[in-house]
Amino acid sequence: MFESSGAGVRRLSGQSGSGMLRYGNWPEVQRELTPLYKELQENKMSVGEYGGRATEIIDRLLLKKA
């Protein structure tokens, strides 16, 4: 996706789970990641903080037994 920003064009990318999208628990993971990603995009948290929190969520939920 591209967005015009006056003097240039900047590239915007949404969430990507690559191979993680194939896991049955991905929708649960995504529900928790989406609000964090929004905070990241609004510069309310650092990339490092987002990465740490996202990793914790993925580790906790992705392979969770139903």
C-alpha atoms as a PDB file:
ATOM      1  CA  MET A   1       0.000   0.000   0.000  1.00  0.00           C
ATOM      2  CA  PHE A   2       1.293   3.472  -0.783  1.00  0.00           C
ATOM      3  CA  GLU A   3       0.242   6.783   0.659  1.00  0.00           C
ATOM      4  CA  SER A   4       1.001  10.183  -0.770  1.00  0.00           C
ATOM      5  CA  SER A   5       2.748  12.406   1.736  1.00  0.00           C
ATOM      6  CA  GLY A   6       3.304  15.717   0.045  1.00  0.00           C
ATOM      7  CA  ALA A   7       6.804  15.766  -1.400  1.00  0.00           C
ATOM      8  CA  GLY A   8       7.093  12.007  -1.753  1.00  0.00           C
ATOM      9  CA  VAL A   9       5.469   8.660  -1.407  1.00  0.00           C
ATOM     10  CA  ARG A  10       5.966   6.516   1.646  1.00  0.00           C
ATOM     11  CA  ARG A  11       5.311   2.837   1.869  1.00  0.00           C
ATOM     12  CA  LEU A  12       2.959   1.526   4.528  1.00  0.00           C
ATOM     13  CA  SER A  13       2.774  -2.115   5.448  1.00  0.00           C
ATOM     14  CA  GLY A  14       0.246  -3.891   7.601  1.00  0.00           C
ATOM     15  CA  GLN A  15       0.738  -6.834   9.903  1.00  0.00           C
ATOM     16  CA  SER A  16       2.246  -9.893   8.374  1.00  0.00           C
ATOM     17  CA  GLY A  17       2.415 -13.251  10.049  1.00  0.00           C
ATOM     18  CA  SER A  18       4.173 -15.053   7.180  1.00  0.00           C
ATOM     19  CA  GLY A  19       3.894 -18.776   7.928  1.00  0.00           C
ATOM     20  CA  MET A  20       2.192 -18.084  11.251  1.00  0.00           C
ATOM     21  CA  LEU A  21      -1.042 -17.334   9.394  1.00  0.00           C
ATOM     22  CA  ARG A  22      -1.420 -21.090   8.846  1.00  0.00           C
ATOM     23  CA  TYR A  23      -1.713 -21.870  12.561  1.00  0.00           C
ATOM     24  CA  GLY A  24      -5.225 -22.325  13.923  1.00  0.00           C
ATOM     25  CA  ASN A  25      -4.535 -19.987  16.851  1.00  0.00           C
ATOM     26  CA  TRP A  26      -3.417 -17.100  14.600  1.00  0.00           C
ATOM     27  CA  PRO A  27      -6.769 -15.225  14.913  1.00  0.00           C
ATOM     28  CA  GLU A  28      -6.348 -15.198  18.707  1.00  0.00           C
ATOM     29  CA  VAL A  29      -2.781 -13.930  18.373  1.00  0.00           C
ATOM     30  CA  GLN A  30      -3.859 -11.280  15.886  1.00  0.00           C
ATOM     31  CA  ARG A  31      -6.612 -10.021  18.212  1.00  0.00           C
ATOM     32  CA  GLU A  32      -3.958  -9.269  20.821  1.00  0.00           C
ATOM     33  CA  LEU A  33      -1.381  -7.882  18.387  1.00  0.00           C
ATOM     34  CA  THR A  34      -3.700  -5.502  16.542  1.00  0.00           C
ATOM     35  CA  PRO A  35      -4.123  -2.936  19.349  1.00  0.00           C
ATOM     36  CA  LEU A  36      -0.367  -3.005  20.018  1.00  0.00           C
ATOM     37  CA  TYR A  37       0.371  -2.482  16.334  1.00  0.00           C
ATOM     38  CA  LYS A  38      -1.968   0.504  16.313  1.00  0.00           C
ATOM     39  CA  GLU A  39      -0.081   1.988  19.282  1.00  0.00           C
ATOM     40  CA  LEU A  40       3.191   1.441  17.421  1.00  0.00           C
ATOM     41  CA  GLN A  41       1.872   3.198  14.314  1.00  0.00           C
ATOM     42  CA  GLU A  42       0.709   6.114  16.484  1.00  0.00           C
ATOM     43  CA  ASN A  43       4.224   6.355  18.020  1.00  0.00           C
ATOM     44  CA  LYS A  44       2.857   5.507  21.459  1.00  0.00           C
ATOM     45  CA  MET A  45       5.465   2.769  21.941  1.00  0.00           C
ATOM     46  CA  SER A  46       8.920   2.021  20.618  1.00  0.00           C
ATOM     47  CA  VAL A  47       9.710  -0.639  18.061  1.00  0.00           C
ATOM     48  CA  GLY A  48      11.673  -2.513  20.716  1.00  0.00           C
ATOM     49  CA  GLU A  49       8.763  -2.496  23.133  1.00  0.00           C
ATOM     50  CA  TYR A  50       6.372  -3.665  20.403  1.00  0.00           C
ATOM     51  CA  GLY A  51       8.792  -6.441  19.421  1.00  0.00           C
ATOM     52  CA  GLY A  52       9.115  -7.660  22.984  1.00  0.00           C
ATOM     53  CA  ARG A  53       5.402  -7.604  23.682  1.00  0.00           C
ATOM     54  CA  ALA A  54       4.551  -9.191  20.314  1.00  0.00           C
ATOM     55  CA  THR A  55       7.075 -11.966  20.916  1.00  0.00           C
ATOM     56  CA  GLU A  56       5.548 -12.712  24.318  1.00  0.00           C
ATOM     57  CA  ILE A  57       2.044 -12.898  22.821  1.00  0.00           C
ATOM     58  CA  ILE A  58       3.156 -15.129  19.944  1.00  0.00           C
ATOM     59  CA  ASP A  59       5.119 -17.432  22.242  1.00  0.00           C
ATOM     60  CA  ARG A  60       2.202 -17.698  24.671  1.00  0.00           C
ATOM     61  CA  LEU A  61      -0.653 -18.153  22.219  1.00  0.00           C
ATOM     62  CA  LEU A  62       0.432 -19.439  18.825  1.00  0.00           C
ATOM     63  CA  LEU A  63       1.025 -23.062  19.718  1.00  0.00           C
ATOM     64  CA  LYS A  64      -1.330 -23.162  22.685  1.00  0.00           C
ATOM     65  CA  LYS A  65      -3.235 -26.421  22.967  1.00  0.00           C
ATOM     66  CA  ALA A  66      -6.975 -25.983  22.566  1.00  0.00           C
END
